[in-house]
């Protein structure tokens, strides 16, 4: 979470509200941390933090999109910004696919 907050601090993004949504609330067994927040400029953020040892591939991105859609239904509104913080390797085609669908990917090593 420290790296996540430092990333947004460098971008001068301040959150009025930031809360964690447990994957269990979305009926998921994924080991992922999900945060939703609203910034001071009234943009809604969906932040996913994923720490895994295996490579992030296309199948994983489909699961992430599904999880995002569940989050949209759970919160009853869309999000202006979708951000994925990932600590594992990510396939280049998957990375491009996520960028094309509006995701911001931050690789943490």
C-alpha atoms as a PDB file:
ATOM      1  CA  UNK A   1       0.000   0.000   0.000  1.00  0.00           C
ATOM      2  CA  UNK A   2       2.950   2.311   0.621  1.00  0.00           C
ATOM      3  CA  UNK A   3       4.071   2.065  -3.024  1.00  0.00           C
ATOM      4  CA  UNK A   4       0.516   2.676  -4.140  1.00  0.00           C
ATOM      5  CA  UNK A   5       0.128   5.835  -2.077  1.00  0.00           C
ATOM      6  CA  UNK A   6       3.549   7.102  -3.204  1.00  0.00           C
ATOM      7  CA  UNK A   7       2.528   6.619  -6.849  1.00  0.00           C
ATOM      8  CA  UNK A   8      -0.587   8.757  -6.407  1.00  0.00           C
ATOM      9  CA  UNK A   9       1.314  11.353  -4.349  1.00  0.00           C
ATOM     10  CA  UNK A  10       3.809  11.789  -7.214  1.00  0.00           C
ATOM     11  CA  UNK A  11       0.878  12.354  -9.573  1.00  0.00           C
ATOM     12  CA  UNK A  12      -0.604  14.938  -7.134  1.00  0.00           C
ATOM     13  CA  UNK A  13      -3.770  12.898  -6.665  1.00  0.00           C
ATOM     14  CA  UNK A  14      -5.377  13.236  -3.245  1.00  0.00           C
ATOM     15  CA  UNK A  15      -8.231  11.026  -2.141  1.00  0.00           C
ATOM     16  CA  UNK A  16     -11.194  12.298  -0.141  1.00  0.00           C
ATOM     17  CA  UNK A  17     -12.215   8.737   0.523  1.00  0.00           C
ATOM     18  CA  UNK A  18     -10.434   5.427  -0.026  1.00  0.00           C
ATOM     19  CA  UNK A  19     -11.788   2.114   1.143  1.00  0.00           C
ATOM     20  CA  UNK A  20     -10.874  -1.504   0.605  1.00  0.00           C
ATOM     21  CA  UNK A  21     -13.345  -3.928  -0.903  1.00  0.00           C
ATOM     22  CA  UNK A  22     -12.723  -7.550   0.011  1.00  0.00           C
ATOM     23  CA  UNK A  23     -12.842 -10.001  -2.909  1.00  0.00           C
ATOM     24  CA  UNK A  24     -15.222 -12.070  -0.788  1.00  0.00           C
ATOM     25  CA  UNK A  25     -17.800  -9.273  -1.122  1.00  0.00           C
ATOM     26  CA  UNK A  26     -17.664  -9.809  -4.898  1.00  0.00           C
ATOM     27  CA  UNK A  27     -17.946 -13.602  -4.509  1.00  0.00           C
ATOM     28  CA  UNK A  28     -14.356 -14.097  -5.632  1.00  0.00           C
ATOM     29  CA  UNK A  29     -11.589 -16.230  -4.181  1.00  0.00           C
ATOM     30  CA  UNK A  30      -8.805 -14.278  -5.899  1.00  0.00           C
ATOM     31  CA  UNK A  31      -5.852 -13.121  -3.850  1.00  0.00           C
ATOM     32  CA  UNK A  32      -6.074  -9.490  -4.858  1.00  0.00           C
ATOM     33  CA  UNK A  33      -6.546  -6.235  -2.979  1.00  0.00           C
ATOM     34  CA  UNK A  34      -9.229  -3.918  -4.311  1.00  0.00           C
ATOM     35  CA  UNK A  35      -9.634  -0.273  -3.367  1.00  0.00           C
ATOM     36  CA  UNK A  36     -12.235   2.244  -4.438  1.00  0.00           C
ATOM     37  CA  UNK A  37     -11.812   5.926  -3.896  1.00  0.00           C
ATOM     38  CA  UNK A  38     -12.873   9.376  -4.915  1.00  0.00           C
ATOM     39  CA  UNK A  39     -10.310  12.081  -5.452  1.00  0.00           C
ATOM     40  CA  UNK A  40     -10.574  15.756  -4.596  1.00  0.00           C
ATOM     41  CA  UNK A  41     -11.293  16.505  -8.282  1.00  0.00           C
ATOM     42  CA  UNK A  42     -14.315  14.142  -8.099  1.00  0.00           C
ATOM     43  CA  UNK A  43     -12.935  11.268 -10.171  1.00  0.00           C
ATOM     44  CA  UNK A  44     -13.749   7.760  -9.036  1.00  0.00           C
ATOM     45  CA  UNK A  45     -10.856   5.295  -8.935  1.00  0.00           C
ATOM     46  CA  UNK A  46     -10.831   1.493  -8.996  1.00  0.00           C
ATOM     47  CA  UNK A  47      -7.429   0.284  -7.779  1.00  0.00           C
ATOM     48  CA  UNK A  48      -6.386  -3.354  -8.001  1.00  0.00           C
ATOM     49  CA  UNK A  49      -3.174  -4.540  -6.306  1.00  0.00           C
ATOM     50  CA  UNK A  50      -1.966  -7.954  -7.442  1.00  0.00           C
ATOM     51  CA  UNK A  51       1.043  -9.787  -6.037  1.00  0.00           C
ATOM     52  CA  UNK A  52       1.619 -13.175  -7.624  1.00  0.00           C
ATOM     53  CA  UNK A  53       4.561 -15.331  -8.564  1.00  0.00           C
ATOM     54  CA  UNK A  54       3.231 -16.482 -11.914  1.00  0.00           C
ATOM     55  CA  UNK A  55       3.126 -14.516 -15.144  1.00  0.00           C
ATOM     56  CA  UNK A  56       0.038 -12.365 -15.812  1.00  0.00           C
ATOM     57  CA  UNK A  57      -1.480 -13.604 -19.090  1.00  0.00           C
ATOM     58  CA  UNK A  58      -4.568 -12.959 -21.241  1.00  0.00           C
ATOM     59  CA  UNK A  59      -6.699 -15.346 -19.187  1.00  0.00           C
ATOM     60  CA  UNK A  60      -5.776 -13.359 -16.073  1.00  0.00           C
ATOM     61  CA  UNK A  61      -6.792 -10.105 -17.750  1.00  0.00           C
ATOM     62  CA  UNK A  62     -10.199 -11.578 -18.606  1.00  0.00           C
ATOM     63  CA  UNK A  63     -10.626 -12.534 -14.943  1.00  0.00           C
ATOM     64  CA  UNK A  64      -9.585  -9.006 -13.938  1.00  0.00           C
ATOM     65  CA  UNK A  65     -12.172  -7.483 -16.288  1.00  0.00           C
ATOM     66  CA  UNK A  66     -14.812  -9.793 -14.835  1.00  0.00           C
ATOM     67  CA  UNK A  67     -13.821  -8.734 -11.313  1.00  0.00           C
ATOM     68  CA  UNK A  68     -14.011  -5.077 -12.373  1.00  0.00           C
ATOM     69  CA  UNK A  69     -17.531  -5.614 -13.766  1.00  0.00           C
ATOM     70  CA  UNK A  70     -18.567  -7.234 -10.479  1.00  0.00           C
ATOM     71  CA  UNK A  71     -17.148  -4.207  -8.650  1.00  0.00           C
ATOM     72  CA  UNK A  72     -19.138  -1.824 -10.869  1.00  0.00           C
ATOM     73  CA  UNK A  73     -22.332  -3.740 -10.067  1.00  0.00           C
ATOM     74  CA  UNK A  74     -21.465  -3.896  -6.355  1.00  0.00           C
ATOM     75  CA  UNK A  75     -20.774  -0.153  -6.098  1.00  0.00           C
ATOM     76  CA  UNK A  76     -23.602   0.814  -8.503  1.00  0.00           C
ATOM     77  CA  UNK A  77     -21.489   3.226 -10.545  1.00  0.00           C
ATOM     78  CA  UNK A  78     -18.698   3.278 -13.109  1.00  0.00           C
ATOM     79  CA  UNK A  79     -15.149   4.368 -12.379  1.00  0.00           C
ATOM     80  CA  UNK A  80     -13.300   7.076 -14.277  1.00  0.00           C
ATOM     81  CA  UNK A  81      -9.857   5.546 -13.639  1.00  0.00           C
ATOM     82  CA  UNK A  82      -8.930   1.848 -13.505  1.00  0.00           C
ATOM     83  CA  UNK A  83      -5.439   1.129 -12.164  1.00  0.00           C
ATOM     84  CA  UNK A  84      -3.620  -2.178 -11.782  1.00  0.00           C
ATOM     85  CA  UNK A  85      -0.546  -2.412  -9.558  1.00  0.00           C
ATOM     86  CA  UNK A  86       1.232  -5.656 -10.382  1.00  0.00           C
ATOM     87  CA  UNK A  87       4.362  -7.226  -8.918  1.00  0.00           C
ATOM     88  CA  UNK A  88       4.746 -10.151 -11.320  1.00  0.00           C
ATOM     89  CA  UNK A  89       5.761 -10.338 -14.963  1.00  0.00           C
ATOM     90  CA  UNK A  90       3.085  -9.343 -17.467  1.00  0.00           C
ATOM     91  CA  UNK A  91       2.731 -10.570 -21.037  1.00  0.00           C
ATOM     92  CA  UNK A  92       3.268  -7.721 -23.538  1.00  0.00           C
ATOM     93  CA  UNK A  93       0.106  -8.557 -25.508  1.00  0.00           C
ATOM     94  CA  UNK A  94      -1.915  -8.646 -22.305  1.00  0.00           C
ATOM     95  CA  UNK A  95      -0.446  -5.319 -21.226  1.00  0.00           C
ATOM     96  CA  UNK A  96      -1.398  -3.744 -24.552  1.00  0.00           C
ATOM     97  CA  UNK A  97      -4.907  -5.225 -24.364  1.00  0.00           C
ATOM     98  CA  UNK A  98      -5.441  -3.749 -20.890  1.00  0.00           C
ATOM     99  CA  UNK A  99      -4.168  -0.342 -22.002  1.00  0.00           C
ATOM    100  CA  UNK A 100      -6.534  -0.439 -24.988  1.00  0.00           C
ATOM    101  CA  UNK A 101      -9.470  -1.101 -22.658  1.00  0.00           C
ATOM    102  CA  UNK A 102      -8.657   1.885 -20.428  1.00  0.00           C
ATOM    103  CA  UNK A 103      -6.443   0.399 -17.713  1.00  0.00           C
ATOM    104  CA  UNK A 104      -3.380   2.056 -16.230  1.00  0.00           C
ATOM    105  CA  UNK A 105      -0.720  -0.540 -15.404  1.00  0.00           C
ATOM    106  CA  UNK A 106       1.965   0.145 -12.813  1.00  0.00           C
ATOM    107  CA  UNK A 107       4.641  -2.526 -12.582  1.00  0.00           C
ATOM    108  CA  UNK A 108       6.262  -2.806  -9.171  1.00  0.00           C
ATOM    109  CA  UNK A 109       9.451  -4.791  -8.797  1.00  0.00           C
END
